[in-house]
Amino acid sequence: MALFGALFLALLASSYAELPGCKIRITSKALELVKQEGLRFLEQELETITIPDLRGSQVHFYYNISEVKVTELQLTSSELHFHPEQELILQITNASLGLRFRRQLLYWFFYDGGYINASAEGMSIHTALQLSRDPTGQIKVSNISCQASISRIHAAFGGTFKKVYDFLSTFITPGMRFLLNQQICPVFHHAGMVLLNSLLRTLPVRSSVDELVGIDYSLLKDPVASVSNLDLEFRGAFFPLAERNWSLPNQAVEPQLQEEERMVYVAFSEFFFDSAMESYFQAGALQLSLVGDKVPHDLDMLLRATYFGSIVLLSPAVIDSPMKLELRVTAPPRCTIKPSGTTISITATVTIALVPPNQPEVQLSSMTMDARLSAKMTLRGKALRTQLDLRKFRIYSNQSALESLALIPLQDPLKAMLQVGVMPIINERTLRGVQIPLPEGINFVREVVTNHAVSRGKGKERRAAPPSLAPQCPCLPGPEPSLLGCPLSF
């Protein structure tokens, strides 16, 4: 009975689990680039190691080793890979450190001092980073394990007391090796828990897109690692800034990530785009009013001719009043993603009226407009940009079929007005883009966009390919067309 109850609660919890609107997959092909940048950073950090002075005495010899500094780091073999339990593992073997320190030797009344070069060889480091989600939905490094060892230290002593130093080195070098071993892992711990977490905190969680709408990139659960990739699931939901607690239920199909041939995959579901349009609708941004000179002259003449019968019945003070054309979206637009492309369906009312000065406006007609826009997605830097194009357009009257027939002459002029006067205004905003959750210093430089039909619905997948030494990558096997390489840039 207890087992049945546990299974029931598990199924109930899974049924109410929030679905992501955005997923990011980082594959093992991206780790080579990450490793290059990471090792360059670690070299700088290891060169800041400070080692305590080493002093002591043997028989009548008194020695002091001080001002030990790391001058160079040579990494001959390193490997960075994913691990299902510890997320990310860095293995460095057979590395060496160049050292420089000050020596001081006192034997009775004889003193010797100066600086000398040394090398720490056979250095091995094994570091594992564990990533998790903090209470605010931010990704963080939650734990670091480190093991480091140096097999030997060689110091090139010379001069009058060379034989003395060779004798003392049997005591000095083991002490230096012990002190170095104690200093390496704290450097890696600081690099991960402090510096890397500072970089990860630059990923946006809840941020403003513009003065009306924000976006929520909260991580829904801890990152999931396999031997070949790391998957992150984000809420990927827009919200009106005036109602920060407002949320749209995610009823779209979960975005799918199944491939691993490229460096980075970013996938969006229809919910991502629907929440954006719903948020702008809630913010009252999906409306446009053109009055007087804002109405194109040719369209103004056509509207006056179309409604001439209604206008001549008005008082003379109203007949020559400025024309007003108002478009107001009546319901949140909806996005549909198919393998053939992405479309956005819009329903709006079109109101035509005269606006006499200091008098109430006189409505001439109110009609319904159905429009379908095609959406072309691009990804540049950190921004997802959208280019919209008006594909289908029709207007009709809710009053009578006869009035709908009378509106046919307005179809083409209104469509032309939308294409010339309205679409550029919309695209000016959509081409600014919305930020993708990437840390500072990392950008997409090229991308390949494909639409995928998934089970029980549709999903959109944006993909970044691995870097290529040639301008173009070889064609991928399978039914998809040839694809260009899309590396990340740092």
Protein backbone atom coordinates (compact mmCIF):
# COMPACT_ATOMS: atom_id res chain seq x y z
CA MET A 1 0.00 0.00 0.00
CA ALA A 2 2.84 2.38 0.87
CA LEU A 3 4.55 1.55 -2.43
CA PHE A 4 1.34 2.29 -4.35
CA GLY A 5 0.99 5.64 -2.56
CA ALA A 6 4.58 6.57 -3.37
CA LEU A 7 4.09 5.71 -7.03
CA PHE A 8 0.86 7.71 -7.14
CA LEU A 9 2.54 10.77 -5.63
CA ALA A 10 5.44 10.46 -8.08
CA LEU A 11 3.05 10.31 -11.05
CA LEU A 12 1.06 13.24 -9.66
CA ALA A 13 4.21 15.34 -9.22
CA SER A 14 5.40 14.56 -12.74
CA SER A 15 2.03 15.48 -14.22
CA TYR A 16 2.25 18.93 -12.62
CA ALA A 17 5.94 19.48 -13.42
CA GLU A 18 6.44 22.74 -15.29
CA LEU A 19 7.52 22.30 -18.88
CA PRO A 20 10.42 24.36 -20.22
CA GLY A 21 9.92 26.90 -22.97
CA CYS A 22 13.63 26.93 -23.77
CA LYS A 23 16.31 24.26 -23.63
CA ILE A 24 20.04 24.51 -24.16
CA ARG A 25 22.33 21.56 -24.83
CA ILE A 26 26.10 21.91 -24.62
CA THR A 27 27.84 18.96 -26.26
CA SER A 28 31.30 17.54 -25.80
CA LYS A 29 32.33 19.24 -29.05
CA ALA A 30 32.07 22.60 -27.29
CA LEU A 31 34.35 21.51 -24.45
CA GLU A 32 37.54 21.88 -26.47
CA LEU A 33 36.84 25.59 -26.88
CA VAL A 34 35.82 25.85 -23.22
CA LYS A 35 38.99 24.01 -22.19
CA GLN A 36 41.25 26.36 -24.13
CA GLU A 37 39.74 29.40 -22.47
CA GLY A 38 39.63 27.71 -19.07
CA LEU A 39 43.26 26.59 -19.11
CA ARG A 40 44.40 30.06 -20.14
CA PHE A 41 42.50 31.40 -17.16
CA LEU A 42 43.90 28.74 -14.81
CA GLU A 43 47.43 29.54 -15.91
CA GLN A 44 46.93 33.10 -14.74
CA GLU A 45 45.44 31.91 -11.45
CA LEU A 46 48.21 29.38 -10.73
CA GLU A 47 50.83 32.03 -11.33
CA THR A 48 49.39 33.94 -8.36
CA ILE A 49 50.20 31.11 -5.93
CA THR A 50 51.97 32.34 -2.82
CA ILE A 51 54.05 29.81 -0.85
CA PRO A 52 55.12 30.37 2.77
CA ASP A 53 58.82 30.74 3.54
CA LEU A 54 60.68 27.53 4.20
CA ARG A 55 63.39 27.72 6.86
CA GLY A 56 65.27 25.26 9.02
CA SER A 57 68.65 23.98 10.09
CA GLN A 58 70.76 20.86 9.65
CA VAL A 59 73.90 20.38 11.76
CA HIS A 60 75.48 23.88 11.62
CA PHE A 61 73.71 24.96 8.46
CA TYR A 62 70.85 27.43 8.65
CA TYR A 63 68.78 27.96 5.50
CA ASN A 64 65.83 30.11 4.44
CA ILE A 65 63.83 29.76 1.20
CA SER A 66 61.57 32.75 0.54
CA GLU A 67 59.80 34.76 -2.19
CA VAL A 68 58.76 31.61 -4.04
CA LYS A 69 56.91 32.58 -7.21
CA VAL A 70 55.46 30.65 -10.13
CA THR A 71 56.96 31.99 -13.36
CA GLU A 72 55.33 29.72 -15.94
CA LEU A 73 52.97 26.80 -16.34
CA GLN A 74 53.27 24.12 -19.00
CA LEU A 75 50.28 21.86 -19.59
CA THR A 76 51.28 19.00 -21.83
CA SER A 77 48.17 16.86 -21.38
CA SER A 78 44.66 17.89 -20.30
CA GLU A 79 41.14 16.57 -20.74
CA LEU A 80 37.74 18.13 -20.04
CA HIS A 81 34.67 15.92 -20.22
CA PHE A 82 31.14 15.52 -18.89
CA HIS A 83 30.28 13.01 -16.20
CA PRO A 84 26.74 11.84 -15.37
CA GLU A 85 27.16 12.43 -11.64
CA GLN A 86 29.68 15.25 -11.30
CA GLU A 87 28.74 17.22 -14.43
CA LEU A 88 32.22 18.42 -15.45
CA ILE A 89 35.65 16.89 -14.87
CA LEU A 90 39.04 18.43 -15.67
CA GLN A 91 42.04 16.10 -15.71
CA ILE A 92 45.57 17.53 -16.06
CA THR A 93 48.56 15.18 -16.20
CA ASN A 94 52.33 15.56 -16.54
CA ALA A 95 52.23 19.35 -16.16
CA SER A 96 55.13 21.42 -14.85
CA LEU A 97 55.61 24.69 -13.02
CA GLY A 98 58.53 27.06 -13.41
CA LEU A 99 59.61 28.49 -10.04
CA ARG A 100 61.92 31.24 -8.84
CA PHE A 101 62.87 31.77 -5.22
CA ARG A 102 65.41 33.43 -2.97
CA ARG A 103 67.92 31.29 -1.09
CA GLN A 104 69.83 32.20 2.09
CA LEU A 105 72.44 29.96 3.75
CA LEU A 106 74.42 30.57 6.96
CA TYR A 107 77.25 28.28 8.10
CA TRP A 108 79.12 29.63 11.09
CA PHE A 109 80.34 32.99 9.79
CA PHE A 110 79.87 32.14 6.10
CA TYR A 111 76.78 33.51 4.32
CA ASP A 112 75.44 32.84 0.84
CA GLY A 113 72.31 34.24 -0.84
CA GLY A 114 70.68 34.97 -4.17
CA TYR A 115 67.88 33.90 -6.51
CA ILE A 116 67.59 30.58 -8.23
CA ASN A 117 65.27 28.93 -10.78
CA ALA A 118 63.56 25.61 -10.16
CA SER A 119 60.87 23.44 -11.72
CA ALA A 120 58.05 21.37 -10.27
CA GLU A 121 57.48 18.39 -12.56
CA GLY A 122 55.00 15.56 -12.87
CA MET A 123 52.07 17.67 -11.67
CA SER A 124 48.66 15.98 -11.83
CA ILE A 125 45.32 17.64 -11.08
CA HIS A 126 41.88 16.06 -10.99
CA THR A 127 38.97 18.49 -10.50
CA ALA A 128 35.23 17.79 -10.60
CA LEU A 129 32.60 20.55 -10.74
CA GLN A 130 29.00 19.96 -9.73
CA LEU A 131 26.37 22.33 -11.15
CA SER A 132 22.97 22.96 -9.61
CA ARG A 133 20.04 25.38 -9.48
CA ASP A 134 19.83 27.89 -6.66
CA PRO A 135 16.48 29.01 -5.13
CA THR A 136 16.23 31.95 -7.55
CA GLY A 137 16.59 29.72 -10.62
CA GLN A 138 20.22 30.72 -11.27
CA ILE A 139 22.76 28.09 -12.32
CA LYS A 140 25.76 27.83 -10.00
CA VAL A 141 28.79 25.70 -9.14
CA SER A 142 27.62 24.03 -5.95
CA ASN A 143 30.61 21.84 -5.19
CA ILE A 144 34.21 21.29 -6.28
CA SER A 145 36.40 18.32 -5.51
CA CYS A 146 40.12 18.49 -6.20
CA GLN A 147 43.14 16.23 -5.97
CA ALA A 148 46.61 17.55 -6.86
CA SER A 149 50.10 16.12 -6.62
CA ILE A 150 53.63 17.00 -7.74
CA SER A 151 56.04 14.11 -8.16
CA ARG A 152 59.35 15.99 -7.96
CA ILE A 153 61.02 19.41 -7.74
CA HIS A 154 64.36 20.12 -9.36
CA ALA A 155 66.45 23.14 -8.32
CA ALA A 156 69.66 24.04 -10.20
CA PHE A 157 71.92 25.02 -7.32
CA GLY A 158 75.40 26.26 -8.18
CA GLY A 159 78.30 28.29 -6.86
CA THR A 160 80.71 27.71 -4.01
CA PHE A 161 78.15 26.00 -1.79
CA LYS A 162 76.73 23.75 -4.52
CA LYS A 163 77.57 20.55 -2.68
CA VAL A 164 76.06 21.94 0.50
CA TYR A 165 72.83 22.84 -1.34
CA ASP A 166 72.75 19.42 -2.96
CA PHE A 167 72.87 17.94 0.50
CA LEU A 168 70.23 20.33 1.86
CA SER A 169 67.97 19.80 -1.17
CA THR A 170 67.04 16.39 0.24
CA PHE A 171 65.26 18.37 2.99
CA ILE A 172 64.27 21.53 1.07
CA THR A 173 62.61 20.11 -2.05
CA PRO A 174 60.23 17.72 -0.22
CA GLY A 175 59.13 20.66 1.92
CA MET A 176 58.57 22.85 -1.14
CA ARG A 177 56.69 20.04 -2.88
CA PHE A 178 54.43 19.64 0.17
CA LEU A 179 53.71 23.39 0.30
CA LEU A 180 52.95 23.53 -3.43
CA ASN A 181 50.56 20.59 -3.19
CA GLN A 182 48.71 22.46 -0.45
CA GLN A 183 48.30 25.58 -2.63
CA ILE A 184 47.03 24.15 -5.94
CA CYS A 185 43.56 22.97 -4.93
CA PRO A 186 42.63 26.23 -3.14
CA VAL A 187 43.33 28.00 -6.45
CA PHE A 188 40.91 25.68 -8.27
CA HIS A 189 38.34 26.02 -5.50
CA HIS A 190 38.50 29.83 -5.69
CA ALA A 191 38.36 29.74 -9.50
CA GLY A 192 35.21 27.62 -9.45
CA MET A 193 33.25 28.78 -6.41
CA VAL A 194 34.07 32.49 -6.73
CA LEU A 195 35.21 33.42 -10.22
CA LEU A 196 33.19 30.91 -12.27
CA ASN A 197 30.09 31.58 -10.19
CA SER A 198 30.58 35.29 -10.83
CA LEU A 199 30.54 34.52 -14.56
CA LEU A 200 27.46 32.31 -14.25
CA ARG A 201 25.64 35.08 -12.41
CA THR A 202 25.79 37.11 -15.62
CA LEU A 203 23.23 34.70 -17.12
CA PRO A 204 19.88 36.51 -17.11
CA VAL A 205 17.17 35.05 -14.87
CA ARG A 206 14.44 37.71 -14.87
CA SER A 207 15.29 40.76 -16.95
CA SER A 208 13.55 43.48 -18.93
CA VAL A 209 13.23 43.14 -22.68
CA ASP A 210 11.95 46.70 -23.11
CA GLU A 211 9.79 49.18 -21.18
CA LEU A 212 6.73 46.90 -21.41
CA VAL A 213 7.82 43.27 -21.19
CA GLY A 214 10.36 41.14 -19.35
CA ILE A 215 11.53 37.55 -19.74
CA ASP A 216 12.04 34.78 -17.19
CA TYR A 217 14.93 32.39 -17.82
CA SER A 218 14.75 30.65 -14.45
CA LEU A 219 16.35 27.22 -14.45
CA LEU A 220 13.57 24.72 -13.71
CA LYS A 221 15.81 21.97 -12.34
CA ASP A 222 19.44 21.05 -11.85
CA PRO A 223 21.46 20.60 -15.06
CA VAL A 224 21.47 17.03 -16.36
CA ALA A 225 24.76 15.63 -17.63
CA SER A 226 25.55 12.56 -19.67
CA VAL A 227 28.88 11.37 -21.01
CA SER A 228 28.41 13.49 -24.15
CA ASN A 229 26.37 16.57 -23.23
CA LEU A 230 24.92 18.88 -20.59
CA ASP A 231 21.23 19.82 -20.80
CA LEU A 232 19.67 22.89 -19.18
CA GLU A 233 15.92 23.55 -19.01
CA PHE A 234 14.72 27.17 -18.67
CA ARG A 235 11.24 28.51 -18.08
CA GLY A 236 11.55 30.70 -21.18
CA ALA A 237 8.45 32.80 -20.47
CA PHE A 238 7.74 36.48 -21.12
CA PHE A 239 5.68 38.59 -18.73
CA PRO A 240 4.33 42.17 -18.68
CA LEU A 241 6.41 44.37 -16.39
CA ALA A 242 3.25 45.88 -14.92
CA GLU A 243 2.18 42.42 -13.74
CA ARG A 244 5.37 40.63 -12.74
CA ASN A 245 3.49 37.76 -11.11
CA TRP A 246 1.41 37.09 -14.23
CA SER A 247 2.17 33.84 -16.02
CA LEU A 248 0.78 31.99 -19.00
CA PRO A 249 0.19 28.24 -18.50
CA ASN A 250 2.58 26.24 -20.68
CA GLN A 251 0.42 23.84 -22.69
CA ALA A 252 2.80 23.51 -25.63
CA VAL A 253 4.82 20.42 -26.40
CA GLU A 254 8.20 20.32 -24.69
CA PRO A 255 11.06 21.35 -27.02
CA GLN A 256 13.08 18.36 -28.16
CA LEU A 257 16.87 17.96 -28.19
CA GLN A 258 18.09 14.68 -29.60
CA GLU A 259 21.21 15.49 -31.63
CA GLU A 260 24.80 15.87 -30.48
CA GLU A 261 26.79 16.56 -33.65
CA ARG A 262 27.18 20.28 -33.00
CA MET A 263 28.58 22.44 -30.22
CA VAL A 264 25.41 24.01 -28.84
CA TYR A 265 21.71 23.47 -29.43
CA VAL A 266 19.05 25.97 -28.33
CA ALA A 267 15.46 24.79 -28.62
CA PHE A 268 12.23 26.77 -28.22
CA SER A 269 8.65 25.61 -28.03
CA GLU A 270 5.60 27.50 -29.30
CA PHE A 271 5.02 28.57 -25.69
CA PHE A 272 8.14 30.78 -25.81
CA PHE A 273 6.70 32.88 -28.62
CA ASP A 274 3.09 32.69 -27.42
CA SER A 275 4.06 34.07 -24.02
CA ALA A 276 5.81 36.99 -25.71
CA MET A 277 2.75 37.91 -27.76
CA GLU A 278 0.40 37.37 -24.80
CA SER A 279 2.57 39.66 -22.67
CA TYR A 280 2.54 42.46 -25.22
CA PHE A 281 -1.21 41.98 -25.57
CA GLN A 282 -1.68 42.25 -21.79
CA ALA A 283 0.55 45.35 -21.79
CA GLY A 284 -1.75 47.00 -24.34
CA ALA A 285 0.95 47.33 -26.99
CA LEU A 286 -0.85 45.55 -29.84
CA GLN A 287 -2.79 48.50 -31.19
CA LEU A 288 -2.10 51.25 -33.66
CA SER A 289 -3.95 54.50 -34.38
CA LEU A 290 -3.35 56.67 -37.47
CA VAL A 291 -5.02 60.10 -37.57
CA GLY A 292 -4.93 62.84 -40.15
CA ASP A 293 -1.58 63.13 -41.93
CA LYS A 294 -0.51 59.73 -40.54
CA VAL A 295 -3.04 58.05 -42.85
CA PRO A 296 -1.47 57.68 -46.34
CA HIS A 297 -3.03 60.18 -48.76
CA ASP A 298 -4.12 57.57 -51.32
CA LEU A 299 -5.72 55.45 -48.60
CA ASP A 300 -7.48 58.51 -47.18
CA MET A 301 -8.99 59.27 -50.59
CA LEU A 302 -10.07 55.64 -51.05
CA LEU A 303 -11.71 55.51 -47.61
CA ARG A 304 -13.65 58.73 -48.24
CA ALA A 305 -14.82 57.39 -51.60
CA THR A 306 -15.83 54.03 -50.08
CA TYR A 307 -17.89 55.65 -47.32
CA PHE A 308 -19.06 58.63 -49.37
CA GLY A 309 -22.70 57.68 -48.86
CA SER A 310 -22.31 57.84 -45.08
CA ILE A 311 -20.13 60.95 -45.08
CA VAL A 312 -22.50 63.15 -47.15
CA LEU A 313 -25.23 62.59 -44.61
CA LEU A 314 -23.11 64.20 -41.88
CA SER A 315 -23.05 67.86 -40.99
CA PRO A 316 -20.71 70.09 -43.07
CA ALA A 317 -18.48 70.64 -40.02
CA VAL A 318 -17.75 66.89 -39.90
CA ILE A 319 -17.36 66.05 -43.59
CA ASP A 320 -13.85 67.53 -43.93
CA SER A 321 -12.63 66.24 -40.57
CA PRO A 322 -9.40 64.23 -40.41
CA MET A 323 -9.69 60.52 -41.07
CA LYS A 324 -8.79 58.04 -38.34
CA LEU A 325 -7.73 54.43 -38.90
CA GLU A 326 -7.37 52.28 -35.79
CA LEU A 327 -6.12 48.70 -35.58
CA ARG A 328 -6.62 46.85 -32.31
CA VAL A 329 -5.70 43.21 -31.75
CA THR A 330 -8.66 41.53 -30.07
CA ALA A 331 -6.99 38.33 -28.83
CA PRO A 332 -3.39 37.31 -28.16
CA PRO A 333 -1.70 36.20 -31.41
CA ARG A 334 -0.67 32.57 -31.64
CA CYS A 335 2.46 30.98 -33.04
CA THR A 336 2.43 27.77 -35.08
CA ILE A 337 5.66 25.92 -35.79
CA LYS A 338 5.74 23.39 -38.60
CA PRO A 339 8.61 21.87 -40.56
CA SER A 340 7.61 24.17 -43.44
CA GLY A 341 8.04 27.32 -41.34
CA THR A 342 6.80 29.45 -38.46
CA THR A 343 3.62 31.50 -38.73
CA ILE A 344 1.82 33.92 -36.43
CA SER A 345 -1.96 34.30 -36.62
CA ILE A 346 -3.52 37.65 -35.69
CA THR A 347 -7.16 38.77 -35.37
CA ALA A 348 -7.84 42.47 -35.00
CA THR A 349 -10.56 45.05 -35.46
CA VAL A 350 -10.14 47.86 -37.95
CA THR A 351 -12.12 50.99 -37.10
CA ILE A 352 -12.55 53.85 -39.56
CA ALA A 353 -13.82 57.16 -38.23
CA LEU A 354 -13.80 60.92 -38.72
CA VAL A 355 -12.35 63.04 -35.93
CA PRO A 356 -13.85 66.55 -35.92
CA PRO A 357 -12.06 69.07 -33.69
CA ASN A 358 -13.48 69.36 -30.18
CA GLN A 359 -16.23 66.87 -30.98
CA PRO A 360 -16.71 63.14 -30.46
CA GLU A 361 -15.38 61.04 -33.33
CA VAL A 362 -17.86 59.72 -35.86
CA GLN A 363 -17.41 56.04 -36.67
CA LEU A 364 -17.87 55.11 -40.31
CA SER A 365 -17.16 51.39 -40.13
CA SER A 366 -15.78 48.63 -37.99
CA MET A 367 -14.47 45.45 -39.55
CA THR A 368 -12.52 42.36 -38.58
CA MET A 369 -9.05 41.67 -39.90
CA ASP A 370 -7.38 38.25 -40.07
CA ALA A 371 -3.68 38.26 -40.85
CA ARG A 372 -0.98 35.62 -41.02
CA LEU A 373 2.68 36.55 -40.65
CA SER A 374 5.68 34.42 -41.49
CA ALA A 375 8.54 34.58 -38.97
CA LYS A 376 12.20 34.12 -39.83
CA MET A 377 14.46 33.58 -36.82
CA THR A 378 18.13 34.49 -36.61
CA LEU A 379 20.60 34.32 -33.74
CA ARG A 380 23.39 36.88 -33.53
CA GLY A 381 25.61 37.37 -30.52
CA LYS A 382 23.27 36.71 -27.62
CA ALA A 383 20.05 37.94 -29.26
CA LEU A 384 17.25 35.94 -30.87
CA ARG A 385 15.93 38.18 -33.64
CA THR A 386 12.75 37.82 -35.68
CA GLN A 387 11.91 39.15 -39.15
CA LEU A 388 8.16 39.23 -39.80
CA ASP A 389 6.50 39.32 -43.19
CA LEU A 390 2.79 39.74 -43.96
CA ARG A 391 1.66 36.72 -45.98
CA LYS A 392 -2.13 36.53 -45.79
CA PHE A 393 -4.62 39.27 -45.11
CA ARG A 394 -8.37 39.62 -45.29
CA ILE A 395 -11.01 41.94 -43.89
CA TYR A 396 -14.69 41.24 -43.46
CA SER A 397 -17.71 42.64 -41.70
CA ASN A 398 -19.45 41.01 -38.78
CA GLN A 399 -22.64 42.86 -39.68
CA SER A 400 -23.56 41.44 -43.07
CA ALA A 401 -22.22 39.61 -46.09
CA LEU A 402 -23.18 42.58 -48.26
CA GLU A 403 -20.92 44.89 -46.27
CA SER A 404 -18.11 42.33 -46.56
CA LEU A 405 -18.46 42.49 -50.34
CA ALA A 406 -18.24 46.28 -50.18
CA LEU A 407 -14.94 45.96 -48.33
CA ILE A 408 -13.22 44.00 -51.11
CA PRO A 409 -11.80 47.19 -52.76
CA LEU A 410 -10.10 48.01 -49.43
CA GLN A 411 -8.24 44.68 -49.20
CA ASP A 412 -5.19 45.56 -51.30
CA PRO A 413 -4.78 49.19 -50.12
CA LEU A 414 -5.00 48.18 -46.46
CA LYS A 415 -2.55 45.31 -47.02
CA ALA A 416 -0.15 47.67 -48.77
CA MET A 417 -0.50 50.15 -45.91
CA LEU A 418 0.33 47.43 -43.40
CA GLN A 419 3.36 46.26 -45.38
CA VAL A 420 4.74 49.74 -45.94
CA GLY A 421 3.69 51.58 -42.80
CA VAL A 422 3.15 49.04 -40.02
CA MET A 423 5.45 46.07 -40.62
CA PRO A 424 8.64 48.20 -40.56
CA ILE A 425 7.59 49.54 -37.14
CA ILE A 426 7.05 46.00 -35.83
CA ASN A 427 10.28 44.66 -37.34
CA GLU A 428 12.26 47.54 -35.90
CA ARG A 429 11.39 46.12 -32.49
CA THR A 430 11.60 42.39 -33.23
CA LEU A 431 14.99 42.75 -34.94
CA ARG A 432 16.45 44.17 -31.73
CA GLY A 433 15.97 40.68 -30.41
CA VAL A 434 15.71 39.17 -26.98
CA GLN A 435 18.71 37.89 -25.07
CA ILE A 436 19.46 34.18 -24.93
CA PRO A 437 20.80 32.89 -21.57
CA LEU A 438 24.54 32.94 -22.30
CA PRO A 439 27.27 34.18 -19.93
CA GLU A 440 29.18 37.37 -20.61
CA GLY A 441 31.95 36.94 -23.19
CA ILE A 442 30.25 34.09 -25.09
CA ASN A 443 28.42 34.74 -28.35
CA PHE A 444 27.01 32.86 -31.31
CA VAL A 445 28.66 33.89 -34.56
CA ARG A 446 26.68 31.79 -37.06
CA GLU A 447 23.61 29.61 -36.74
CA VAL A 448 21.45 27.06 -38.48
CA VAL A 449 17.69 27.19 -37.88
CA THR A 450 15.45 24.19 -38.43
CA ASN A 451 11.80 23.56 -37.57
CA HIS A 452 10.90 20.13 -36.24
CA ALA A 453 7.59 18.34 -35.98
CA VAL A 454 7.66 16.38 -32.73
CA SER A 455 5.24 13.89 -31.24
CA ARG A 456 1.95 15.39 -30.02
CA GLY A 457 2.86 18.80 -31.40
CA LYS A 458 5.59 20.95 -32.79
CA GLY A 459 8.80 22.45 -31.55
CA LYS A 460 11.44 24.78 -32.84
CA GLU A 461 15.10 23.94 -32.53
CA ARG A 462 17.93 26.43 -33.02
CA ARG A 463 21.34 24.92 -33.40
CA ALA A 464 24.91 26.07 -33.24
CA ALA A 465 27.38 23.85 -35.06
CA PRO A 466 30.98 23.02 -34.12
CA PRO A 467 33.82 25.19 -35.38
CA SER A 468 35.33 24.27 -38.73
CA LEU A 469 38.77 24.89 -40.15
CA ALA A 470 37.15 25.46 -43.54
CA PRO A 471 34.56 28.13 -44.34
CA GLN A 472 31.91 25.42 -44.60
CA CYS A 473 31.35 22.22 -42.68
CA PRO A 474 30.78 18.96 -44.57
CA CYS A 475 27.18 17.98 -45.20
CA LEU A 476 25.50 16.09 -42.42
CA PRO A 477 24.22 12.59 -43.20
CA GLY A 478 20.50 12.04 -43.34
CA PRO A 479 17.52 13.80 -44.92
CA GLU A 480 18.44 17.33 -43.84
CA PRO A 481 20.09 19.76 -46.29
CA SER A 482 23.70 20.87 -46.11
CA LEU A 483 24.45 22.97 -43.03
CA LEU A 484 27.05 25.62 -42.37
CA GLY A 485 29.29 25.62 -39.31
CA CYS A 486 28.18 27.78 -36.38
CA PRO A 487 30.88 28.14 -33.71
CA LEU A 488 30.72 30.06 -30.49
CA SER A 489 33.01 33.01 -29.96
CA PHE A 490 34.70 34.21 -26.77
